[in-house]
Amino acid sequence: MRTHAAKPLPEGDNLLRRWKSWELGENKPGPHYAPLIAATLGTVSAALFPPVERTESGLTVLTATGMDTMEIVSRLQASDINDATLEGLRITVEKLCSEYPYMPPETLIPEGRQWLRRIVEMQDQRLSFRQRRQTLELAGWLALLVGCLEYDLGDRRSAEATRKMALSLGQDVGSGGILGWAHEMRAWFALTSGDYRGVLAAAEAGQVAAGNHSVGVQLIAQEAKAWARLGRKDEMERALERGRVMLEAMPYPDNTDNHFVVDPAKYDFYVMDCYRHIGEDRLAETLAQEVIRSGTDFNGDERKPMRVAEARITLGVAAAREGDLDEALTYGRRAIEAPRKSLPSIALVSQDLASVLAERYNGQSDADEYRHDLMRIQQGR
């Protein structure tokens, strides 16, 4: 804590008593100490001490506007575009983006494409300048969503075309968020294809385009992942620290379920990937447990199944390196058998486990079978 503090801190005994009190939950650290604790543990304040009150993502179109989906559609078709209709449309797009983490792509893509088509068709109607800009921005977010889903299914050609559509819409309306995410998708495509220099180029361009939008944190995270895979640990750690500092300065997001919102818990997910890949197993394992905890609700249901799947791969890698093949394969199979996954991403992450299995357990039937299952996933891309 003293390393990160700009001003002198209390004497050791005093500081130790405070730390123990925080650990026991007897009181919550104030705005001076919370960032120091987060920096000491390599994370951000809101990941350790999330706000007690936060906006829930369960807002429905009906409760917000008094209209259901059918009425919104009928108004769009009748050119009855007023503020309530636009608000209903905005909430619908928010809902779709919030369903991305858990909804099967095959189910979500048709709905996303249908709404995107409706918004594009609206441009032939007589809209005010403000209405046209708002609808084009919503179309940009939907294009990003559809592109991500297409890539999850391994359809890279369609995903790239949709990403370019989102990029164009972002340029039309001057949205740093849409532009940043379009570049982030390019970085993601490059990362899962093994083009790590391409990741760095996309991340750099995206950070310039995004401005102060939170996607900048995810772009830096993609940069860190690329440095890790290039074997450049120092650059990786510097990038992670830049991302952590940037996220620390941002307000806690209203809706952490929205795929295009970078929430504090996501930071542990980024760091986990980097440290797993460079072989820092103890730290990666600790972070993986936290990712699973934050991605699972009190009923044991996975709210962030794709994050949880990658965390299980991380635990599998750690177990394999420690000599526990059975545990490694259990984690590995649970990850690749998860119903909601991104095929390119899970193939990329699982390759770390496959590499350990090939190096240490080559010829053992269970290990070879898992590697063959992983190859089938890769071929499915």
Protein backbone atom coordinates (compact mmCIF):
# COMPACT_ATOMS: atom_id res chain seq x y z
CA MET A 1 0.00 0.00 0.00
CA ARG A 2 2.84 2.38 0.77
CA THR A 3 4.22 1.76 -2.72
CA HIS A 4 1.01 3.07 -4.29
CA ALA A 5 0.31 5.86 -1.76
CA ALA A 6 1.11 9.46 -2.68
CA LYS A 7 1.06 10.50 1.02
CA PRO A 8 2.50 8.80 4.12
CA LEU A 9 0.29 6.10 5.67
CA PRO A 10 -0.17 5.31 9.41
CA GLU A 11 2.39 3.23 11.30
CA GLY A 12 2.48 -0.52 10.68
CA ASP A 13 0.46 -1.66 13.71
CA ASN A 14 -2.27 0.89 13.04
CA LEU A 15 -2.45 0.01 9.35
CA LEU A 16 -2.52 -3.72 10.14
CA ARG A 17 -5.48 -3.27 12.51
CA ARG A 18 -7.36 -1.39 9.80
CA TRP A 19 -6.59 -4.09 7.24
CA LYS A 20 -7.88 -6.84 9.52
CA SER A 21 -11.02 -4.82 10.19
CA TRP A 22 -11.63 -4.50 6.45
CA GLU A 23 -11.04 -8.21 5.93
CA LEU A 24 -13.57 -9.06 8.64
CA GLY A 25 -16.13 -6.73 7.12
CA GLU A 26 -16.37 -4.65 10.28
CA ASN A 27 -16.18 -1.50 8.17
CA LYS A 28 -15.58 -0.48 4.58
CA PRO A 29 -12.46 1.41 3.50
CA GLY A 30 -13.07 5.01 2.50
CA PRO A 31 -12.28 6.67 -0.84
CA HIS A 32 -8.63 7.18 0.17
CA TYR A 33 -7.88 3.57 1.10
CA ALA A 34 -10.06 1.63 -1.37
CA PRO A 35 -7.96 2.52 -4.46
CA LEU A 36 -4.74 1.73 -2.54
CA ILE A 37 -6.05 -1.71 -1.56
CA ALA A 38 -7.16 -2.36 -5.14
CA ALA A 39 -3.80 -1.28 -6.57
CA THR A 40 -1.99 -3.48 -4.03
CA LEU A 41 -4.02 -6.50 -5.13
CA GLY A 42 -3.77 -5.61 -8.82
CA THR A 43 -7.43 -4.86 -9.42
CA VAL A 44 -9.87 -1.92 -9.27
CA SER A 45 -11.85 -0.60 -6.32
CA ALA A 46 -15.31 -1.48 -7.62
CA ALA A 47 -14.30 -5.12 -8.12
CA LEU A 48 -13.58 -5.38 -4.37
CA PHE A 49 -16.12 -2.88 -3.07
CA PRO A 50 -19.02 -2.61 -5.57
CA PRO A 51 -21.61 0.08 -4.92
CA VAL A 52 -24.44 -1.02 -2.65
CA GLU A 53 -27.02 0.63 -4.89
CA ARG A 54 -26.89 0.06 -8.62
CA THR A 55 -29.33 0.19 -11.50
CA GLU A 56 -30.72 -3.23 -12.33
CA SER A 57 -30.73 -4.37 -15.94
CA GLY A 58 -34.22 -5.84 -15.65
CA LEU A 59 -35.97 -2.70 -16.93
CA THR A 60 -38.56 -3.74 -19.48
CA VAL A 61 -39.95 -1.85 -22.44
CA LEU A 62 -43.45 -2.11 -21.03
CA THR A 63 -42.62 -0.63 -17.61
CA ALA A 64 -40.49 2.15 -19.09
CA THR A 65 -42.71 3.25 -21.98
CA GLY A 66 -46.13 1.65 -21.49
CA MET A 67 -45.68 -0.15 -24.84
CA ASP A 68 -44.91 -3.79 -25.56
CA THR A 69 -42.72 -4.99 -28.43
CA MET A 70 -45.62 -5.40 -30.88
CA GLU A 71 -46.75 -1.82 -30.35
CA ILE A 72 -43.22 -0.53 -30.96
CA VAL A 73 -43.04 -2.51 -34.21
CA SER A 74 -46.45 -1.24 -35.35
CA ARG A 75 -45.42 2.36 -34.62
CA LEU A 76 -42.20 1.94 -36.56
CA GLN A 77 -44.15 0.59 -39.53
CA ALA A 78 -46.66 3.43 -39.29
CA SER A 79 -43.91 6.07 -39.09
CA ASP A 80 -45.22 7.02 -35.63
CA ILE A 81 -41.78 7.87 -34.26
CA ASN A 82 -41.86 9.85 -31.04
CA ASP A 83 -39.64 9.96 -27.96
CA ALA A 84 -41.48 7.06 -26.30
CA THR A 85 -41.00 4.89 -29.38
CA LEU A 86 -37.28 5.70 -29.51
CA GLU A 87 -36.94 4.95 -25.79
CA GLY A 88 -38.64 1.61 -26.31
CA LEU A 89 -36.26 0.90 -29.16
CA ARG A 90 -33.26 1.85 -27.03
CA ILE A 91 -34.36 -0.45 -24.20
CA THR A 92 -34.90 -3.28 -26.68
CA VAL A 93 -31.34 -2.90 -28.00
CA GLU A 94 -30.02 -2.75 -24.42
CA LYS A 95 -31.92 -5.95 -23.60
CA LEU A 96 -30.50 -7.79 -26.60
CA CYS A 97 -26.94 -6.70 -25.77
CA SER A 98 -27.51 -7.83 -22.17
CA GLU A 99 -28.61 -11.29 -23.31
CA TYR A 100 -25.35 -11.89 -25.16
CA PRO A 101 -23.43 -13.43 -22.22
CA TYR A 102 -25.86 -16.34 -21.76
CA MET A 103 -28.25 -16.60 -24.73
CA PRO A 104 -27.31 -19.17 -27.42
CA PRO A 105 -26.12 -17.36 -30.56
CA GLU A 106 -28.51 -19.37 -32.75
CA THR A 107 -31.40 -17.91 -30.74
CA LEU A 108 -30.18 -14.33 -30.42
CA ILE A 109 -28.90 -13.74 -33.97
CA PRO A 110 -32.31 -13.86 -35.74
CA GLU A 111 -33.80 -11.38 -33.27
CA GLY A 112 -30.80 -9.07 -33.52
CA ARG A 113 -30.85 -9.14 -37.33
CA GLN A 114 -34.61 -8.53 -37.40
CA TRP A 115 -34.36 -5.41 -35.23
CA LEU A 116 -31.34 -4.21 -37.22
CA ARG A 117 -33.36 -4.55 -40.43
CA ARG A 118 -36.25 -2.60 -38.93
CA ILE A 119 -33.99 0.26 -37.87
CA VAL A 120 -32.28 0.41 -41.26
CA GLU A 121 -35.69 0.51 -42.97
CA MET A 122 -36.65 3.44 -40.73
CA GLN A 123 -34.08 5.59 -42.53
CA ASP A 124 -36.48 5.81 -45.51
CA GLN A 125 -39.01 7.57 -43.28
CA ARG A 126 -39.15 11.26 -42.50
CA LEU A 127 -37.05 11.59 -39.38
CA SER A 128 -35.67 14.62 -37.64
CA PHE A 129 -31.89 15.02 -37.50
CA ARG A 130 -31.90 13.92 -33.85
CA GLN A 131 -34.08 10.88 -34.55
CA ARG A 132 -31.93 9.83 -37.49
CA ARG A 133 -28.77 10.07 -35.45
CA GLN A 134 -30.26 8.14 -32.54
CA THR A 135 -31.58 5.34 -34.74
CA LEU A 136 -28.29 5.04 -36.63
CA GLU A 137 -26.44 4.78 -33.31
CA LEU A 138 -28.79 2.01 -32.17
CA ALA A 139 -28.18 0.27 -35.49
CA GLY A 140 -24.44 0.49 -34.81
CA TRP A 141 -24.76 -1.26 -31.46
CA LEU A 142 -26.96 -3.95 -32.98
CA ALA A 143 -24.45 -4.50 -35.79
CA LEU A 144 -21.71 -5.00 -33.20
CA LEU A 145 -23.89 -7.51 -31.36
CA VAL A 146 -24.75 -9.48 -34.50
CA GLY A 147 -21.11 -9.50 -35.58
CA CYS A 148 -20.00 -10.90 -32.23
CA LEU A 149 -22.62 -13.64 -32.42
CA GLU A 150 -21.61 -14.53 -35.97
CA TYR A 151 -18.00 -14.87 -34.87
CA ASP A 152 -19.01 -16.97 -31.86
CA LEU A 153 -20.48 -19.45 -34.34
CA GLY A 154 -17.28 -19.45 -36.38
CA ASP A 155 -18.67 -17.44 -39.32
CA ARG A 156 -15.75 -15.06 -39.68
CA ARG A 157 -16.66 -13.75 -43.13
CA SER A 158 -20.11 -12.60 -42.05
CA ALA A 159 -18.74 -11.27 -38.77
CA GLU A 160 -16.15 -9.14 -40.55
CA ALA A 161 -18.76 -7.70 -42.94
CA THR A 162 -21.03 -6.84 -40.02
CA ARG A 163 -18.11 -5.34 -38.09
CA LYS A 164 -17.37 -3.05 -41.04
CA MET A 165 -21.03 -2.03 -41.11
CA ALA A 166 -20.80 -1.08 -37.42
CA LEU A 167 -17.57 0.83 -38.07
CA SER A 168 -19.27 2.81 -40.85
CA LEU A 169 -22.27 3.59 -38.65
CA GLY A 170 -19.94 4.67 -35.84
CA GLN A 171 -18.19 7.05 -38.23
CA ASP A 172 -21.53 8.44 -39.45
CA VAL A 173 -22.72 9.35 -35.95
CA GLY A 174 -19.31 10.07 -34.41
CA SER A 175 -19.68 7.46 -31.66
CA GLY A 176 -16.40 6.69 -29.91
CA GLY A 177 -17.99 3.68 -28.25
CA ILE A 178 -19.11 2.04 -31.50
CA LEU A 179 -15.81 2.87 -33.22
CA GLY A 180 -13.82 1.51 -30.29
CA TRP A 181 -15.79 -1.74 -30.17
CA ALA A 182 -15.49 -2.20 -33.94
CA HIS A 183 -11.69 -2.01 -33.53
CA GLU A 184 -11.90 -4.28 -30.47
CA MET A 185 -13.67 -6.90 -32.60
CA ARG A 186 -10.84 -6.64 -35.12
CA ALA A 187 -8.33 -7.18 -32.30
CA TRP A 188 -10.36 -10.18 -31.05
CA PHE A 189 -10.47 -11.72 -34.53
CA ALA A 190 -6.70 -11.27 -34.85
CA LEU A 191 -6.03 -12.72 -31.38
CA THR A 192 -8.00 -15.90 -32.03
CA SER A 193 -6.29 -16.27 -35.41
CA GLY A 194 -2.79 -16.01 -33.95
CA ASP A 195 -2.05 -12.62 -35.54
CA TYR A 196 -0.66 -10.96 -32.42
CA ARG A 197 0.91 -8.00 -34.23
CA GLY A 198 -2.50 -7.42 -35.76
CA VAL A 199 -3.97 -7.32 -32.26
CA LEU A 200 -1.53 -4.57 -31.25
CA ALA A 201 -2.34 -2.51 -34.36
CA ALA A 202 -6.12 -2.83 -33.86
CA ALA A 203 -5.84 -2.05 -30.15
CA GLU A 204 -3.81 1.09 -30.83
CA ALA A 205 -6.24 2.35 -33.49
CA GLY A 206 -9.20 1.54 -31.28
CA GLN A 207 -7.88 3.45 -28.30
CA VAL A 208 -7.47 6.55 -30.46
CA ALA A 209 -11.01 6.21 -31.85
CA ALA A 210 -12.69 5.36 -28.52
CA GLY A 211 -11.65 8.46 -26.60
CA ASN A 212 -12.81 8.14 -22.99
CA HIS A 213 -15.24 5.27 -23.60
CA SER A 214 -14.77 2.21 -21.38
CA VAL A 215 -14.01 0.03 -24.41
CA GLY A 216 -10.52 1.51 -24.13
CA VAL A 217 -9.94 -0.79 -21.14
CA GLN A 218 -10.86 -3.86 -23.18
CA LEU A 219 -8.64 -2.73 -26.04
CA ILE A 220 -5.72 -2.45 -23.62
CA ALA A 221 -6.60 -5.90 -22.30
CA GLN A 222 -6.44 -7.37 -25.81
CA GLU A 223 -3.06 -5.68 -26.18
CA ALA A 224 -1.89 -7.33 -22.93
CA LYS A 225 -3.09 -10.74 -24.16
CA ALA A 226 -1.09 -10.29 -27.35
CA TRP A 227 2.06 -9.30 -25.44
CA ALA A 228 1.63 -12.41 -23.25
CA ARG A 229 1.49 -14.65 -26.30
CA LEU A 230 4.52 -12.93 -27.79
CA GLY A 231 6.45 -13.74 -24.59
CA ARG A 232 6.83 -10.05 -23.68
CA LYS A 233 5.96 -10.15 -19.97
CA ASP A 234 7.13 -6.62 -19.14
CA GLU A 235 4.99 -5.08 -21.89
CA MET A 236 2.07 -7.27 -20.78
CA GLU A 237 2.29 -6.07 -17.19
CA ARG A 238 2.59 -2.43 -18.24
CA ALA A 239 -0.49 -2.77 -20.41
CA LEU A 240 -2.46 -4.41 -17.59
CA GLU A 241 -1.52 -1.61 -15.23
CA ARG A 242 -2.59 1.03 -17.78
CA GLY A 243 -5.94 -0.72 -18.14
CA ARG A 244 -6.36 -1.02 -14.38
CA VAL A 245 -5.65 2.69 -13.82
CA MET A 246 -8.05 3.66 -16.61
CA LEU A 247 -10.84 1.48 -15.23
CA GLU A 248 -10.24 2.72 -11.68
CA ALA A 249 -11.04 6.26 -12.80
CA MET A 250 -14.35 5.32 -14.42
CA PRO A 251 -17.76 5.37 -12.70
CA TYR A 252 -19.40 2.07 -11.88
CA PRO A 253 -21.58 1.08 -14.87
CA ASP A 254 -25.37 0.98 -14.59
CA ASN A 255 -25.78 -2.32 -16.42
CA THR A 256 -22.92 -4.78 -16.07
CA ASP A 257 -24.82 -7.40 -18.09
CA ASN A 258 -24.49 -5.40 -21.32
CA HIS A 259 -21.75 -7.02 -23.40
CA PHE A 260 -20.51 -3.59 -24.50
CA VAL A 261 -19.96 -2.37 -20.96
CA VAL A 262 -16.61 -3.04 -19.29
CA ASP A 263 -17.37 -3.83 -15.66
CA PRO A 264 -14.76 -4.03 -12.88
CA ALA A 265 -15.11 -7.81 -12.48
CA LYS A 266 -14.03 -8.21 -16.10
CA TYR A 267 -10.57 -6.96 -15.19
CA ASP A 268 -9.78 -10.12 -13.20
CA PHE A 269 -10.84 -12.08 -16.28
CA TYR A 270 -8.31 -10.25 -18.45
CA VAL A 271 -5.47 -10.66 -15.97
CA MET A 272 -6.31 -14.34 -15.49
CA ASP A 273 -5.83 -15.04 -19.19
CA CYS A 274 -2.47 -13.28 -19.29
CA TYR A 275 -1.01 -14.97 -16.24
CA ARG A 276 -2.27 -18.41 -17.24
CA HIS A 277 -0.52 -18.10 -20.56
CA ILE A 278 2.84 -17.03 -19.14
CA GLY A 279 2.75 -19.77 -16.47
CA GLU A 280 2.01 -17.76 -13.31
CA ASP A 281 -0.25 -20.59 -12.14
CA ARG A 282 -0.86 -19.60 -8.54
CA LEU A 283 -2.06 -16.11 -9.42
CA ALA A 284 -4.01 -17.32 -12.45
CA GLU A 285 -5.74 -19.99 -10.34
CA THR A 286 -6.74 -17.44 -7.67
CA LEU A 287 -8.14 -15.12 -10.31
CA ALA A 288 -10.02 -17.99 -11.97
CA GLN A 289 -11.79 -18.79 -8.71
CA GLU A 290 -12.82 -15.14 -8.43
CA VAL A 291 -14.07 -15.09 -12.04
CA ILE A 292 -16.24 -18.14 -11.34
CA ARG A 293 -17.56 -16.60 -8.13
CA SER A 294 -18.47 -13.28 -9.73
CA GLY A 295 -19.98 -15.01 -12.76
CA THR A 296 -22.30 -17.23 -10.72
CA ASP A 297 -25.40 -16.11 -8.81
CA PHE A 298 -26.57 -17.23 -5.35
CA ASN A 299 -28.57 -20.09 -6.88
CA GLY A 300 -25.53 -21.50 -8.62
CA ASP A 301 -26.68 -20.36 -12.07
CA GLU A 302 -23.93 -19.03 -14.32
CA ARG A 303 -24.63 -15.42 -15.32
CA LYS A 304 -21.40 -15.19 -17.31
CA PRO A 305 -20.97 -18.74 -18.68
CA MET A 306 -18.28 -17.85 -21.23
CA ARG A 307 -16.10 -16.23 -18.57
CA VAL A 308 -16.69 -19.20 -16.28
CA ALA A 309 -15.72 -21.64 -19.04
CA GLU A 310 -12.40 -19.87 -19.61
CA ALA A 311 -11.80 -19.79 -15.85
CA ARG A 312 -12.28 -23.57 -15.78
CA ILE A 313 -9.70 -23.94 -18.54
CA THR A 314 -7.33 -21.91 -16.37
CA LEU A 315 -7.94 -24.22 -13.40
CA GLY A 316 -7.39 -27.16 -15.72
CA VAL A 317 -4.04 -25.78 -16.90
CA ALA A 318 -2.93 -25.25 -13.29
CA ALA A 319 -4.00 -28.78 -12.33
CA ALA A 320 -2.19 -30.30 -15.34
CA ARG A 321 1.01 -28.48 -14.48
CA GLU A 322 0.70 -29.73 -10.90
CA GLY A 323 0.38 -33.34 -12.11
CA ASP A 324 -3.35 -33.89 -11.60
CA LEU A 325 -4.52 -35.11 -15.01
CA ASP A 326 -8.00 -36.18 -13.89
CA GLU A 327 -8.81 -32.78 -12.42
CA ALA A 328 -7.35 -31.01 -15.45
CA LEU A 329 -9.52 -33.01 -17.84
CA THR A 330 -12.63 -32.52 -15.70
CA TYR A 331 -12.21 -28.76 -15.88
CA GLY A 332 -11.33 -28.91 -19.57
CA ARG A 333 -14.36 -30.97 -20.55
CA ARG A 334 -16.77 -28.83 -18.54
CA ALA A 335 -15.45 -25.78 -20.41
CA ILE A 336 -15.76 -27.11 -23.96
CA GLU A 337 -19.13 -28.78 -23.27
CA ALA A 338 -20.71 -25.55 -21.96
CA PRO A 339 -23.86 -24.74 -23.97
CA ARG A 340 -22.95 -21.03 -24.34
CA LYS A 341 -19.49 -20.50 -25.75
CA SER A 342 -17.60 -18.63 -28.40
CA LEU A 343 -15.97 -21.27 -30.60
CA PRO A 344 -12.88 -19.22 -31.58
CA SER A 345 -12.30 -17.96 -28.02
CA ILE A 346 -12.71 -21.33 -26.29
CA ALA A 347 -10.45 -22.93 -28.93
CA LEU A 348 -7.78 -20.28 -28.29
CA VAL A 349 -7.88 -20.63 -24.51
CA SER A 350 -8.13 -24.43 -24.57
CA GLN A 351 -4.96 -24.55 -26.61
CA ASP A 352 -3.04 -23.66 -23.44
CA LEU A 353 -4.41 -26.82 -21.81
CA ALA A 354 -3.83 -28.89 -24.94
CA SER A 355 -0.20 -27.78 -25.04
CA VAL A 356 0.39 -28.89 -21.43
CA LEU A 357 -1.31 -32.22 -22.10
CA ALA A 358 0.81 -32.80 -25.20
CA GLU A 359 3.99 -31.94 -23.34
CA ARG A 360 3.39 -33.90 -20.13
CA TYR A 361 0.77 -36.55 -20.87
CA ASN A 362 1.31 -37.48 -24.51
CA GLY A 363 0.13 -41.01 -25.21
CA GLN A 364 -2.30 -41.18 -22.30
CA SER A 365 -5.68 -42.02 -23.78
CA ASP A 366 -7.79 -39.54 -21.78
CA ALA A 367 -5.47 -36.66 -22.56
CA ASP A 368 -5.30 -37.57 -26.25
CA GLU A 369 -9.10 -37.83 -26.41
CA TYR A 370 -9.50 -34.31 -25.00
CA ARG A 371 -7.03 -32.95 -27.53
CA HIS A 372 -8.99 -34.60 -30.34
CA ASP A 373 -12.22 -33.05 -29.01
CA LEU A 374 -10.49 -29.68 -29.04
CA MET A 375 -9.34 -30.22 -32.63
CA ARG A 376 -12.95 -30.85 -33.65
CA ILE A 377 -13.95 -27.52 -32.09
CA GLN A 378 -11.15 -25.77 -33.97
CA GLN A 379 -12.23 -27.37 -37.24
CA GLY A 380 -15.79 -26.25 -36.51
CA ARG A 381 -14.67 -22.64 -36.81
